[in-house]
Amino acid sequence: MMLVEPEVVMKVAVDIARDSTGRRRHPVRPHRNRTNVDVTQVPLFGDNGASV
């Protein structure tokens, strides 16, 4: 079961800094839309597929 239907592939920037409780210190920031990648080419979260 899929909770959302993906429509856009986007590259994001993630800072790996964490606070003392283990939460990420900075939000994920959008970088750019990947118009050259179809949503069917992106592996599902947790799959061991190659990154785009």
Protein backbone atom coordinates (compact mmCIF):
# COMPACT_ATOMS: atom_id res chain seq x y z
CA MET A 1 0.00 0.00 0.00
CA MET A 2 1.37 3.40 -0.97
CA LEU A 3 0.32 6.37 1.18
CA VAL A 4 1.19 8.97 -1.47
CA GLU A 5 1.64 8.88 -5.21
CA PRO A 6 5.07 10.34 -6.12
CA GLU A 7 5.02 12.82 -8.98
CA VAL A 8 8.33 14.67 -8.77
CA VAL A 9 11.92 13.60 -8.12
CA MET A 10 13.86 16.22 -6.17
CA LYS A 11 17.45 16.40 -4.99
CA VAL A 12 17.72 17.56 -1.38
CA ALA A 13 20.51 18.71 0.92
CA VAL A 14 20.66 17.06 4.34
CA ASP A 15 22.91 18.17 7.19
CA ILE A 16 23.96 15.23 9.35
CA ALA A 17 24.38 17.28 12.54
CA ARG A 18 22.28 15.99 15.44
CA ASP A 19 21.46 17.41 18.86
CA SER A 20 21.98 15.59 22.17
CA THR A 21 18.68 13.69 21.80
CA GLY A 22 19.56 12.40 18.32
CA ARG A 23 17.23 14.68 16.35
CA ARG A 24 18.53 16.40 13.24
CA ARG A 25 19.54 19.98 14.00
CA HIS A 26 18.77 21.44 10.56
CA PRO A 27 15.85 20.91 8.19
CA VAL A 28 16.15 19.12 4.86
CA ARG A 29 16.54 21.74 2.11
CA PRO A 30 15.28 21.30 -1.47
CA HIS A 31 18.10 21.59 -3.99
CA ARG A 32 16.57 21.09 -7.44
CA ASN A 33 13.96 19.13 -9.36
CA ARG A 34 15.35 16.14 -11.27
CA THR A 35 13.41 16.41 -14.52
CA ASN A 36 15.73 13.85 -16.12
CA VAL A 37 14.68 11.11 -13.65
CA ASP A 38 11.30 9.37 -13.67
CA VAL A 39 9.71 8.49 -10.32
CA THR A 40 9.73 4.81 -11.32
CA GLN A 41 13.56 4.90 -11.42
CA VAL A 42 13.90 5.87 -7.74
CA PRO A 43 14.16 2.96 -5.27
CA LEU A 44 11.73 2.94 -2.36
CA PHE A 45 13.04 4.07 1.03
CA GLY A 46 14.81 1.16 2.68
CA ASP A 47 15.53 -0.66 -0.58
CA ASN A 48 19.18 -1.23 -1.39
CA GLY A 49 18.95 0.31 -4.84
CA ALA A 50 21.55 2.61 -6.38
CA SER A 51 21.14 6.31 -5.71
CA VAL A 52 20.12 8.58 -8.57
